[in-house]
Amino acid sequence: LAERRTDTVLLEFAEGVGLFERVDLLRLAGEALDRVVAALKSRYHVLSLETRSWRPGQGGGEAASAFVARGDRAHLLQVVSDGPEATRRAAAVALLDAVRTLDETYAPKGLRLSAT
């Protein structure tokens, strides 16, 4: 039987990042993460991948607020994979690498990304 794996991406704003900057950065980082997940789906097509996040329609049954914390300064995105264990692990490593790269891009702008 295949098991599910949930990898979590934390997007957290630094102190002093204004509301309008946060909205824009969150949109851009969210779009970049969407591209990462799409690439994972293409590369690891035997996996069933879904995302759950703060965005409308992506809560997986949870309210969007369940993915937002610290006064709207932290947002979670979960990538849930279902399939062979070795493939799930490979996809998780690829996700971690992509998040590290995105963090290098967005950290200077006040948005840190990390994954577990």
PDB file of N, CA and C in Angstrom:
ATOM      1  N   LEU A   1       0.824  -1.194   0.000  1.00  0.00           N
ATOM      2  CA  LEU A   1       0.000   0.000   0.000  1.00  0.00           C
ATOM      3  C   LEU A   1       0.864   1.253   0.000  1.00  0.00           C
ATOM      4  N   ALA A   2       0.478   2.222  -0.783  1.00  0.00           N
ATOM      5  CA  ALA A   2       1.179   3.499  -0.804  1.00  0.00           C
ATOM      6  C   ALA A   2       0.730   4.332   0.388  1.00  0.00           C
ATOM      7  N   GLU A   3       1.664   5.075   0.928  1.00  0.00           N
ATOM      8  CA  GLU A   3       1.348   5.955   2.045  1.00  0.00           C
ATOM      9  C   GLU A   3       1.424   7.394   1.584  1.00  0.00           C
ATOM     10  N   ARG A   4       0.851   8.259   2.399  1.00  0.00           N
ATOM     11  CA  ARG A   4       0.875   9.693   2.097  1.00  0.00           C
ATOM     12  C   ARG A   4       2.021  10.353   2.832  1.00  0.00           C
ATOM     13  N   ARG A   5       2.557  11.373   2.217  1.00  0.00           N
ATOM     14  CA  ARG A   5       3.612  12.177   2.827  1.00  0.00           C
ATOM     15  C   ARG A   5       3.178  13.636   2.719  1.00  0.00           C
ATOM     16  N   THR A   6       3.358  14.373   3.787  1.00  0.00           N
ATOM     17  CA  THR A   6       3.044  15.796   3.769  1.00  0.00           C
ATOM     18  C   THR A   6       4.312  16.587   4.046  1.00  0.00           C
ATOM     19  N   ASP A   7       4.685  17.415   3.092  1.00  0.00           N
ATOM     20  CA  ASP A   7       5.806  18.328   3.257  1.00  0.00           C
ATOM     21  C   ASP A   7       5.222  19.725   3.425  1.00  0.00           C
ATOM     22  N   THR A   8       5.776  20.470   4.353  1.00  0.00           N
ATOM     23  CA  THR A   8       5.242  21.788   4.670  1.00  0.00           C
ATOM     24  C   THR A   8       6.243  22.872   4.308  1.00  0.00           C
ATOM     25  N   VAL A   9       5.740  23.908   3.645  1.00  0.00           N
ATOM     26  CA  VAL A   9       6.543  25.078   3.316  1.00  0.00           C
ATOM     27  C   VAL A   9       6.014  26.237   4.161  1.00  0.00           C
ATOM     28  N   LEU A  10       6.913  26.864   4.907  1.00  0.00           N
ATOM     29  CA  LEU A  10       6.565  28.021   5.727  1.00  0.00           C
ATOM     30  C   LEU A  10       7.061  29.275   5.033  1.00  0.00           C
ATOM     31  N   LEU A  11       6.155  30.222   4.845  1.00  0.00           N
ATOM     32  CA  LEU A  11       6.511  31.528   4.287  1.00  0.00           C
ATOM     33  C   LEU A  11       6.326  32.525   5.422  1.00  0.00           C
ATOM     34  N   GLU A  12       7.404  33.200   5.818  1.00  0.00           N
ATOM     35  CA  GLU A  12       7.326  34.093   6.969  1.00  0.00           C
ATOM     36  C   GLU A  12       7.952  35.445   6.653  1.00  0.00           C
ATOM     37  N   PHE A  13       7.177  36.488   6.940  1.00  0.00           N
ATOM     38  CA  PHE A  13       7.631  37.847   6.670  1.00  0.00           C
ATOM     39  C   PHE A  13       8.463  38.386   7.815  1.00  0.00           C
ATOM     40  N   ALA A  14       9.476  39.153   7.472  1.00  0.00           N
ATOM     41  CA  ALA A  14      10.295  39.830   8.466  1.00  0.00           C
ATOM     42  C   ALA A  14       9.516  41.009   9.047  1.00  0.00           C
ATOM     43  N   GLU A  15       9.918  41.424  10.233  1.00  0.00           N
ATOM     44  CA  GLU A  15       9.334  42.628  10.834  1.00  0.00           C
ATOM     45  C   GLU A  15       9.543  43.799   9.879  1.00  0.00           C
ATOM     46  N   GLY A  16       8.558  44.660   9.809  1.00  0.00           N
ATOM     47  CA  GLY A  16       8.695  45.864   9.014  1.00  0.00           C
ATOM     48  C   GLY A  16       8.250  45.755   7.568  1.00  0.00           C
ATOM     49  N   VAL A  17       7.921  44.564   7.109  1.00  0.00           N
ATOM     50  CA  VAL A  17       7.424  44.426   5.738  1.00  0.00           C
ATOM     51  C   VAL A  17       5.966  44.874   5.742  1.00  0.00           C
ATOM     52  N   GLY A  18       5.662  45.880   4.933  1.00  0.00           N
ATOM     53  CA  GLY A  18       4.330  46.464   4.902  1.00  0.00           C
ATOM     54  C   GLY A  18       3.284  45.560   4.274  1.00  0.00           C
ATOM     55  N   LEU A  19       2.033  45.893   4.540  1.00  0.00           N
ATOM     56  CA  LEU A  19       0.914  45.088   4.061  1.00  0.00           C
ATOM     57  C   LEU A  19       0.910  44.935   2.545  1.00  0.00           C
ATOM     58  N   PHE A  20       1.085  46.032   1.817  1.00  0.00           N
ATOM     59  CA  PHE A  20       1.055  45.950   0.358  1.00  0.00           C
ATOM     60  C   PHE A  20       2.222  45.120  -0.169  1.00  0.00           C
ATOM     61  N   GLU A  21       3.393  45.264   0.465  1.00  0.00           N
ATOM     62  CA  GLU A  21       4.547  44.451   0.072  1.00  0.00           C
ATOM     63  C   GLU A  21       4.270  42.976   0.347  1.00  0.00           C
ATOM     64  N   ARG A  22       3.642  42.689   1.490  1.00  0.00           N
ATOM     65  CA  ARG A  22       3.341  41.301   1.841  1.00  0.00           C
ATOM     66  C   ARG A  22       2.406  40.668   0.816  1.00  0.00           C
ATOM     67  N   VAL A  23       1.364  41.405   0.438  1.00  0.00           N
ATOM     68  CA  VAL A  23       0.403  40.866  -0.534  1.00  0.00           C
ATOM     69  C   VAL A  23       1.113  40.527  -1.841  1.00  0.00           C
ATOM     70  N   ASP A  24       1.954  41.437  -2.304  1.00  0.00           N
ATOM     71  CA  ASP A  24       2.658  41.222  -3.565  1.00  0.00           C
ATOM     72  C   ASP A  24       3.662  40.072  -3.453  1.00  0.00           C
ATOM     73  N   LEU A  25       4.452  40.064  -2.389  1.00  0.00           N
ATOM     74  CA  LEU A  25       5.443  39.002  -2.205  1.00  0.00           C
ATOM     75  C   LEU A  25       4.778  37.637  -2.051  1.00  0.00           C
ATOM     76  N   LEU A  26       3.680  37.597  -1.319  1.00  0.00           N
ATOM     77  CA  LEU A  26       2.974  36.339  -1.113  1.00  0.00           C
ATOM     78  C   LEU A  26       2.417  35.808  -2.436  1.00  0.00           C
ATOM     79  N   ARG A  27       1.898  36.710  -3.263  1.00  0.00           N
ATOM     80  CA  ARG A  27       1.390  36.304  -4.579  1.00  0.00           C
ATOM     81  C   ARG A  27       2.522  35.759  -5.437  1.00  0.00           C
ATOM     82  N   LEU A  28       3.633  36.476  -5.498  1.00  0.00           N
ATOM     83  CA  LEU A  28       4.761  36.052  -6.329  1.00  0.00           C
ATOM     84  C   LEU A  28       5.356  34.730  -5.839  1.00  0.00           C
ATOM     85  N   ALA A  29       5.560  34.608  -4.536  1.00  0.00           N
ATOM     86  CA  ALA A  29       6.117  33.364  -3.988  1.00  0.00           C
ATOM     87  C   ALA A  29       5.136  32.204  -4.178  1.00  0.00           C
ATOM     88  N   GLY A  30       3.842  32.482  -4.016  1.00  0.00           N
ATOM     89  CA  GLY A  30       2.830  31.444  -4.241  1.00  0.00           C
ATOM     90  C   GLY A  30       2.840  30.958  -5.678  1.00  0.00           C
ATOM     91  N   GLU A  31       2.971  31.881  -6.616  1.00  0.00           N
ATOM     92  CA  GLU A  31       3.039  31.500  -8.031  1.00  0.00           C
ATOM     93  C   GLU A  31       4.301  30.680  -8.311  1.00  0.00           C
ATOM     94  N   ALA A  32       5.412  31.071  -7.682  1.00  0.00           N
ATOM     95  CA  ALA A  32       6.657  30.318  -7.864  1.00  0.00           C
ATOM     96  C   ALA A  32       6.515  28.905  -7.295  1.00  0.00           C
ATOM     97  N   LEU A  33       5.873  28.778  -6.144  1.00  0.00           N
ATOM     98  CA  LEU A  33       5.648  27.460  -5.559  1.00  0.00           C
ATOM     99  C   LEU A  33       4.705  26.631  -6.428  1.00  0.00           C
ATOM    100  N   ASP A  34       3.721  27.271  -7.042  1.00  0.00           N
ATOM    101  CA  ASP A  34       2.830  26.558  -7.972  1.00  0.00           C
ATOM    102  C   ASP A  34       3.635  25.957  -9.128  1.00  0.00           C
ATOM    103  N   ARG A  35       4.600  26.723  -9.636  1.00  0.00           N
ATOM    104  CA  ARG A  35       5.436  26.225 -10.735  1.00  0.00           C
ATOM    105  C   ARG A  35       6.300  25.044 -10.262  1.00  0.00           C
ATOM    106  N   VAL A  36       6.786  25.128  -9.026  1.00  0.00           N
ATOM    107  CA  VAL A  36       7.575  24.022  -8.470  1.00  0.00           C
ATOM    108  C   VAL A  36       6.720  22.765  -8.392  1.00  0.00           C
ATOM    109  N   VAL A  37       5.505  22.892  -7.856  1.00  0.00           N
ATOM    110  CA  VAL A  37       4.619  21.733  -7.719  1.00  0.00           C
ATOM    111  C   VAL A  37       4.248  21.183  -9.096  1.00  0.00           C
ATOM    112  N   ALA A  38       3.998  22.054 -10.059  1.00  0.00           N
ATOM    113  CA  ALA A  38       3.692  21.596 -11.420  1.00  0.00           C
ATOM    114  C   ALA A  38       4.870  20.818 -12.005  1.00  0.00           C
ATOM    115  N   ALA A  39       6.086  21.294 -11.760  1.00  0.00           N
ATOM    116  CA  ALA A  39       7.271  20.584 -12.252  1.00  0.00           C
ATOM    117  C   ALA A  39       7.414  19.225 -11.560  1.00  0.00           C
ATOM    118  N   LEU A  40       7.111  19.178 -10.264  1.00  0.00           N
ATOM    119  CA  LEU A  40       7.161  17.899  -9.544  1.00  0.00           C
ATOM    120  C   LEU A  40       6.134  16.920 -10.107  1.00  0.00           C
ATOM    121  N   LYS A  41       4.936  17.425 -10.400  1.00  0.00           N
ATOM    122  CA  LYS A  41       3.890  16.564 -10.972  1.00  0.00           C
ATOM    123  C   LYS A  41       4.335  16.006 -12.318  1.00  0.00           C
ATOM    124  N   SER A  42       4.989  16.832 -13.098  1.00  0.00           N
ATOM    125  CA  SER A  42       5.449  16.397 -14.412  1.00  0.00           C
ATOM    126  C   SER A  42       6.586  15.382 -14.294  1.00  0.00           C
ATOM    127  N   ARG A  43       7.528  15.663 -13.417  1.00  0.00           N
ATOM    128  CA  ARG A  43       8.694  14.793 -13.267  1.00  0.00           C
ATOM    129  C   ARG A  43       8.360  13.476 -12.576  1.00  0.00           C
ATOM    130  N   TYR A  44       7.512  13.544 -11.552  1.00  0.00           N
ATOM    131  CA  TYR A  44       7.158  12.353 -10.770  1.00  0.00           C
ATOM    132  C   TYR A  44       5.688  12.017 -11.008  1.00  0.00           C
ATOM    133  N   HIS A  45       5.367  11.707 -12.241  1.00  0.00           N
ATOM    134  CA  HIS A  45       3.972  11.539 -12.649  1.00  0.00           C
ATOM    135  C   HIS A  45       3.274  10.355 -11.986  1.00  0.00           C
ATOM    136  N   VAL A  46       4.009   9.432 -11.372  1.00  0.00           N
ATOM    137  CA  VAL A  46       3.351   8.315 -10.684  1.00  0.00           C
ATOM    138  C   VAL A  46       2.777   8.745  -9.333  1.00  0.00           C
ATOM    139  N   LEU A  47       3.166   9.933  -8.864  1.00  0.00           N
ATOM    140  CA  LEU A  47       2.654  10.434  -7.591  1.00  0.00           C
ATOM    141  C   LEU A  47       1.350  11.177  -7.780  1.00  0.00           C
ATOM    142  N   SER A  48       0.530  11.091  -6.776  1.00  0.00           N
ATOM    143  CA  SER A  48      -0.628  11.971  -6.674  1.00  0.00           C
ATOM    144  C   SER A  48      -0.188  13.115  -5.781  1.00  0.00           C
ATOM    145  N   LEU A  49      -0.173  14.323  -6.322  1.00  0.00           N
ATOM    146  CA  LEU A  49       0.256  15.501  -5.548  1.00  0.00           C
ATOM    147  C   LEU A  49      -0.896  16.474  -5.416  1.00  0.00           C
ATOM    148  N   GLU A  50      -1.078  16.989  -4.223  1.00  0.00           N
ATOM    149  CA  GLU A  50      -2.063  18.055  -4.017  1.00  0.00           C
ATOM    150  C   GLU A  50      -1.467  19.071  -3.061  1.00  0.00           C
ATOM    151  N   THR A  51      -1.940  20.294  -3.164  1.00  0.00           N
ATOM    152  CA  THR A  51      -1.480  21.327  -2.244  1.00  0.00           C
ATOM    153  C   THR A  51      -2.645  21.814  -1.404  1.00  0.00           C
ATOM    154  N   ARG A  52      -2.302  22.201  -0.191  1.00  0.00           N
ATOM    155  CA  ARG A  52      -3.264  22.836   0.713  1.00  0.00           C
ATOM    156  C   ARG A  52      -2.597  24.104   1.209  1.00  0.00           C
ATOM    157  N   SER A  53      -3.353  25.206   1.219  1.00  0.00           N
ATOM    158  CA  SER A  53      -2.751  26.468   1.637  1.00  0.00           C
ATOM    159  C   SER A  53      -3.825  27.465   2.032  1.00  0.00           C
ATOM    160  N   TRP A  54      -3.385  28.697   2.251  1.00  0.00           N
ATOM    161  CA  TRP A  54      -4.252  29.813   2.633  1.00  0.00           C
ATOM    162  C   TRP A  54      -5.093  30.316   1.472  1.00  0.00           C
ATOM    163  N   ARG A  55      -4.778  29.898   0.267  1.00  0.00           N
ATOM    164  CA  ARG A  55      -5.452  30.439  -0.912  1.00  0.00           C
ATOM    165  C   ARG A  55      -6.841  29.834  -1.090  1.00  0.00           C
ATOM    166  N   PRO A  56      -7.778  30.613  -1.608  1.00  0.00           N
ATOM    167  CA  PRO A  56      -9.148  30.128  -1.784  1.00  0.00           C
ATOM    168  C   PRO A  56      -9.191  28.816  -2.567  1.00  0.00           C
ATOM    169  N   GLY A  57      -9.944  27.862  -2.049  1.00  0.00           N
ATOM    170  CA  GLY A  57     -10.110  26.591  -2.710  1.00  0.00           C
ATOM    171  C   GLY A  57      -8.974  25.609  -2.499  1.00  0.00           C
ATOM    172  N   GLN A  58      -7.968  25.981  -1.716  1.00  0.00           N
ATOM    173  CA  GLN A  58      -6.830  25.089  -1.501  1.00  0.00           C
ATOM    174  C   GLN A  58      -6.691  24.660  -0.046  1.00  0.00           C
ATOM    175  N   GLY A  59      -7.739  24.749   0.726  1.00  0.00           N
ATOM    176  CA  GLY A  59      -7.649  24.410   2.137  1.00  0.00           C
ATOM    177  C   GLY A  59      -7.800  22.946   2.445  1.00  0.00           C
ATOM    178  N   GLY A  60      -8.148  22.131   1.461  1.00  0.00           N
ATOM    179  CA  GLY A  60      -8.333  20.712   1.710  1.00  0.00           C
ATOM    180  C   GLY A  60      -9.372  20.450   2.785  1.00  0.00           C
ATOM    181  N   GLY A  61     -10.405  21.276   2.823  1.00  0.00           N
ATOM    182  CA  GLY A  61     -11.454  21.133   3.826  1.00  0.00           C
ATOM    183  C   GLY A  61     -11.246  22.022   5.040  1.00  0.00           C
ATOM    184  N   GLU A  62     -10.065  22.579   5.181  1.00  0.00           N
ATOM    185  CA  GLU A  62      -9.771  23.487   6.297  1.00  0.00           C
ATOM    186  C   GLU A  62     -10.040  24.929   5.852  1.00  0.00           C
ATOM    187  N   ALA A  63     -10.344  25.764   6.828  1.00  0.00           N
ATOM    188  CA  ALA A  63     -10.489  27.192   6.537  1.00  0.00           C
ATOM    189  C   ALA A  63      -9.124  27.768   6.182  1.00  0.00           C
ATOM    190  N   ALA A  64      -9.110  28.776   5.326  1.00  0.00           N
ATOM    191  CA  ALA A  64      -7.850  29.406   4.932  1.00  0.00           C
ATOM    192  C   ALA A  64      -7.075  29.901   6.147  1.00  0.00           C
ATOM    193  N   SER A  65      -7.796  30.340   7.170  1.00  0.00           N
ATOM    194  CA  SER A  65      -7.138  30.867   8.372  1.00  0.00           C
ATOM    195  C   SER A  65      -6.318  29.801   9.093  1.00  0.00           C
ATOM    196  N   ALA A  66      -6.596  28.521   8.838  1.00  0.00           N
ATOM    197  CA  ALA A  66      -5.821  27.449   9.454  1.00  0.00           C
ATOM    198  C   ALA A  66      -4.383  27.427   8.942  1.00  0.00           C
ATOM    199  N   PHE A  67      -4.133  28.129   7.841  1.00  0.00           N
ATOM    200  CA  PHE A  67      -2.805  28.139   7.232  1.00  0.00           C
ATOM    201  C   PHE A  67      -2.106  29.493   7.401  1.00  0.00           C
ATOM    202  N   VAL A  68      -2.649  30.350   8.265  1.00  0.00           N
ATOM    203  CA  VAL A  68      -2.094  31.681   8.488  1.00  0.00           C
ATOM    204  C   VAL A  68      -1.898  31.866   9.984  1.00  0.00           C
ATOM    205  N   ALA A  69      -0.747  32.453  10.369  1.00  0.00           N
ATOM    206  CA  ALA A  69      -0.458  32.642  11.794  1.00  0.00           C
ATOM    207  C   ALA A  69       0.335  33.927  12.003  1.00  0.00           C
ATOM    208  N   ARG A  70       0.586  34.211  13.256  1.00  0.00           N
ATOM    209  CA  ARG A  70       1.422  35.351  13.667  1.00  0.00           C
ATOM    210  C   ARG A  70       0.977  36.659  13.033  1.00  0.00           C
ATOM    211  N   GLY A  71      -0.308  36.954  13.167  1.00  0.00           N
ATOM    212  CA  GLY A  71      -0.814  38.227  12.652  1.00  0.00           C
ATOM    213  C   GLY A  71      -0.626  38.384  11.164  1.00  0.00           C
ATOM    214  N   ASP A  72      -0.925  37.348  10.418  1.00  0.00           N
ATOM    215  CA  ASP A  72      -0.788  37.329   8.955  1.00  0.00           C
ATOM    216  C   ASP A  72       0.661  37.406   8.481  1.00  0.00           C
ATOM    217  N   ARG A  73       1.620  37.145   9.360  1.00  0.00           N
ATOM    218  CA  ARG A  73       3.031  37.201   8.961  1.00  0.00           C
ATOM    219  C   ARG A  73       3.584  35.840   8.557  1.00  0.00           C
ATOM    220  N   ALA A  74       2.879  34.756   8.858  1.00  0.00           N
ATOM    221  CA  ALA A  74       3.351  33.412   8.492  1.00  0.00           C
ATOM    222  C   ALA A  74       2.238  32.678   7.755  1.00  0.00           C
ATOM    223  N   HIS A  75       2.588  32.049   6.674  1.00  0.00           N
ATOM    224  CA  HIS A  75       1.637  31.295   5.851  1.00  0.00           C
ATOM    225  C   HIS A  75       2.219  29.913   5.580  1.00  0.00           C
ATOM    226  N   LEU A  76       1.351  28.914   5.568  1.00  0.00           N
ATOM    227  CA  LEU A  76       1.769  27.540   5.308  1.00  0.00           C
ATOM    228  C   LEU A  76       1.224  27.054   3.980  1.00  0.00           C
ATOM    229  N   LEU A  77       2.040  26.267   3.303  1.00  0.00           N
ATOM    230  CA  LEU A  77       1.602  25.546   2.124  1.00  0.00           C
ATOM    231  C   LEU A  77       2.024  24.100   2.351  1.00  0.00           C
ATOM    232  N   GLN A  78       1.097  23.190   2.212  1.00  0.00           N
ATOM    233  CA  GLN A  78       1.404  21.777   2.365  1.00  0.00           C
ATOM    234  C   GLN A  78       1.334  21.097   1.011  1.00  0.00           C
ATOM    235  N   VAL A  79       2.304  20.247   0.755  1.00  0.00           N
ATOM    236  CA  VAL A  79       2.313  19.433  -0.453  1.00  0.00           C
ATOM    237  C   VAL A  79       2.123  17.989   0.009  1.00  0.00           C
ATOM    238  N   VAL A  80       1.016  17.406  -0.382  1.00  0.00           N
ATOM    239  CA  VAL A  80       0.681  16.045   0.025  1.00  0.00           C
ATOM    240  C   VAL A  80       0.911  15.134  -1.170  1.00  0.00           C
ATOM    241  N   SER A  81       1.743  14.106  -0.970  1.00  0.00           N
ATOM    242  CA  SER A  81       2.033  13.170  -2.052  1.00  0.00           C
ATOM    243  C   SER A  81       1.608  11.769  -1.644  1.00  0.00           C
ATOM    244  N   ASP A  82       1.195  11.036  -2.635  1.00  0.00           N
ATOM    245  CA  ASP A  82       0.707   9.675  -2.440  1.00  0.00           C
ATOM    246  C   ASP A  82       1.293   8.825  -3.554  1.00  0.00           C
ATOM    247  N   GLY A  83       2.038   7.790  -3.197  1.00  0.00           N
ATOM    248  CA  GLY A  83       2.647   6.937  -4.205  1.00  0.00           C
ATOM    249  C   GLY A  83       3.800   6.157  -3.619  1.00  0.00           C
ATOM    250  N   PRO A  84       4.621   5.565  -4.465  1.00  0.00           N
ATOM    251  CA  PRO A  84       5.750   4.754  -3.993  1.00  0.00           C
ATOM    252  C   PRO A  84       6.712   5.572  -3.117  1.00  0.00           C
ATOM    253  N   GLU A  85       7.194   4.936  -2.055  1.00  0.00           N
ATOM    254  CA  GLU A  85       8.020   5.643  -1.070  1.00  0.00           C
ATOM    255  C   GLU A  85       9.266   6.280  -1.678  1.00  0.00           C
ATOM    256  N   ALA A  86       9.981   5.550  -2.500  1.00  0.00           N
ATOM    257  CA  ALA A  86      11.209   6.095  -3.088  1.00  0.00           C
ATOM    258  C   ALA A  86      10.914   7.328  -3.938  1.00  0.00           C
ATOM    259  N   THR A  87       9.815   7.312  -4.641  1.00  0.00           N
ATOM    260  CA  THR A  87       9.431   8.449  -5.479  1.00  0.00           C
ATOM    261  C   THR A  87       9.000   9.623  -4.609  1.00  0.00           C
ATOM    262  N   ARG A  88       8.275   9.339  -3.521  1.00  0.00           N
ATOM    263  CA  ARG A  88       7.878  10.417  -2.605  1.00  0.00           C
ATOM    264  C   ARG A  88       9.102  11.092  -2.012  1.00  0.00           C
ATOM    265  N   ARG A  89      10.111  10.279  -1.649  1.00  0.00           N
ATOM    266  CA  ARG A  89      11.343  10.845  -1.080  1.00  0.00           C
ATOM    267  C   ARG A  89      12.073  11.712  -2.095  1.00  0.00           C
ATOM    268  N   ALA A  90      12.169  11.228  -3.324  1.00  0.00           N
ATOM    269  CA  ALA A  90      12.854  11.996  -4.372  1.00  0.00           C
ATOM    270  C   ALA A  90      12.137  13.322  -4.621  1.00  0.00           C
ATOM    271  N   ALA A  91      10.817  13.286  -4.650  1.00  0.00           N
ATOM    272  CA  ALA A  91      10.047  14.519  -4.841  1.00  0.00           C
ATOM    273  C   ALA A  91      10.242  15.465  -3.658  1.00  0.00           C
ATOM    274  N   ALA A  92      10.325  14.925  -2.447  1.00  0.00           N
ATOM    275  CA  ALA A  92      10.537  15.760  -1.258  1.00  0.00           C
ATOM    276  C   ALA A  92      11.898  16.449  -1.309  1.00  0.00           C
ATOM    277  N   VAL A  93      12.918  15.729  -1.740  1.00  0.00           N
ATOM    278  CA  VAL A  93      14.258  16.323  -1.869  1.00  0.00           C
ATOM    279  C   VAL A  93      14.231  17.436  -2.910  1.00  0.00           C
ATOM    280  N   ALA A  94      13.560  17.209  -4.024  1.00  0.00           N
ATOM    281  CA  ALA A  94      13.449  18.238  -5.063  1.00  0.00           C
ATOM    282  C   ALA A  94      12.702  19.460  -4.540  1.00  0.00           C
ATOM    283  N   LEU A  95      11.648  19.237  -3.751  1.00  0.00           N
ATOM    284  CA  LEU A  95      10.902  20.352  -3.160  1.00  0.00           C
ATOM    285  C   LEU A  95      11.788  21.154  -2.211  1.00  0.00           C
ATOM    286  N   LEU A  96      12.535  20.466  -1.355  1.00  0.00           N
ATOM    287  CA  LEU A  96      13.429  21.157  -0.412  1.00  0.00           C
ATOM    288  C   LEU A  96      14.464  21.996  -1.151  1.00  0.00           C
ATOM    289  N   ASP A  97      15.026  21.443  -2.209  1.00  0.00           N
ATOM    290  CA  ASP A  97      16.012  22.194  -3.005  1.00  0.00           C
ATOM    291  C   ASP A  97      15.385  23.439  -3.632  1.00  0.00           C
ATOM    292  N   ALA A  98      14.184  23.290  -4.166  1.00  0.00           N
ATOM    293  CA  ALA A  98      13.496  24.425  -4.794  1.00  0.00           C
ATOM    294  C   ALA A  98      13.169  25.504  -3.761  1.00  0.00           C
ATOM    295  N   VAL A  99      12.748  25.091  -2.582  1.00  0.00           N
ATOM    296  CA  VAL A  99      12.415  26.068  -1.537  1.00  0.00           C
ATOM    297  C   VAL A  99      13.672  26.814  -1.097  1.00  0.00           C
ATOM    298  N   ARG A 100      14.799  26.124  -1.012  1.00  0.00           N
ATOM    299  CA  ARG A 100      16.058  26.798  -0.673  1.00  0.00           C
ATOM    300  C   ARG A 100      16.387  27.874  -1.710  1.00  0.00           C
ATOM    301  N   THR A 101      16.207  27.542  -2.969  1.00  0.00           N
ATOM    302  CA  THR A 101      16.470  28.511  -4.034  1.00  0.00           C
ATOM    303  C   THR A 101      15.514  29.696  -3.951  1.00  0.00           C
ATOM    304  N   LEU A 102      14.231  29.420  -3.705  1.00  0.00           N
ATOM    305  CA  LEU A 102      13.255  30.508  -3.573  1.00  0.00           C
ATOM    306  C   LEU A 102      13.566  31.378  -2.365  1.00  0.00           C
ATOM    307  N   ASP A 103      14.037  30.771  -1.289  1.00  0.00           N
ATOM    308  CA  ASP A 103      14.406  31.548  -0.108  1.00  0.00           C
ATOM    309  C   ASP A 103      15.530  32.528  -0.437  1.00  0.00           C
ATOM    310  N   GLU A 104      16.490  32.084  -1.213  1.00  0.00           N
ATOM    311  CA  GLU A 104      17.583  32.976  -1.615  1.00  0.00           C
ATOM    312  C   GLU A 104      17.067  34.164  -2.416  1.00  0.00           C
ATOM    313  N   THR A 105      16.001  33.950  -3.173  1.00  0.00           N
ATOM    314  CA  THR A 105      15.411  35.020  -3.976  1.00  0.00           C
ATOM    315  C   THR A 105      14.603  35.993  -3.127  1.00  0.00           C
ATOM    316  N   TYR A 106      13.780  35.462  -2.214  1.00  0.00           N
ATOM    317  CA  TYR A 106      12.828  36.302  -1.491  1.00  0.00           C
ATOM    318  C   TYR A 106      13.310  36.809  -0.132  1.00  0.00           C
ATOM    319  N   ALA A 107      14.310  36.172   0.469  1.00  0.00           N
ATOM    320  CA  ALA A 107      14.791  36.620   1.778  1.00  0.00           C
ATOM    321  C   ALA A 107      15.265  38.079   1.767  1.00  0.00           C
ATOM    322  N   PRO A 108      16.012  38.521   0.749  1.00  0.00           N
ATOM    323  CA  PRO A 108      16.432  39.926   0.735  1.00  0.00           C
ATOM    324  C   PRO A 108      15.252  40.912   0.655  1.00  0.00           C
ATOM    325  N   LYS A 109      14.093  40.405   0.231  1.00  0.00           N
ATOM    326  CA  LYS A 109      12.908  41.251   0.113  1.00  0.00           C
ATOM    327  C   LYS A 109      12.044  41.201   1.366  1.00  0.00           C
ATOM    328  N   GLY A 110      12.446  40.367   2.340  1.00  0.00           N
ATOM    329  CA  GLY A 110      11.718  40.299   3.597  1.00  0.00           C
ATOM    330  C   GLY A 110      10.797  39.100   3.758  1.00  0.00           C
ATOM    331  N   LEU A 111      10.916  38.109   2.873  1.00  0.00           N
ATOM    332  CA  LEU A 111      10.091  36.903   2.971  1.00  0.00           C
ATOM    333  C   LEU A 111      11.010  35.694   3.007  1.00  0.00           C
ATOM    334  N   ARG A 112      10.972  34.968   4.123  1.00  0.00           N
ATOM    335  CA  ARG A 112      11.773  33.742   4.275  1.00  0.00           C
ATOM    336  C   ARG A 112      10.899  32.535   3.947  1.00  0.00           C
ATOM    337  N   LEU A 113      11.473  31.568   3.253  1.00  0.00           N
ATOM    338  CA  LEU A 113      10.804  30.312   2.954  1.00  0.00           C
ATOM    339  C   LEU A 113      11.637  29.175   3.529  1.00  0.00           C
ATOM    340  N   SER A 114      10.959  28.250   4.167  1.00  0.00           N
ATOM    341  CA  SER A 114      11.637  27.061   4.674  1.00  0.00           C
ATOM    342  C   SER A 114      10.682  25.885   4.496  1.00  0.00           C
ATOM    343  N   ALA A 115      11.251  24.683   4.478  1.00  0.00           N
ATOM    344  CA  ALA A 115      10.425  23.488   4.264  1.00  0.00           C
ATOM    345  C   ALA A 115      10.843  22.370   5.192  1.00  0.00           C
ATOM    346  N   THR A 116       9.847  21.546   5.530  1.00  0.00           N
ATOM    347  CA  THR A 116      10.123  20.352   6.332  1.00  0.00           C
ATOM    348  C   THR A 116       9.449  19.169   5.674  1.00  0.00           C
TER     349      THR A 116
END
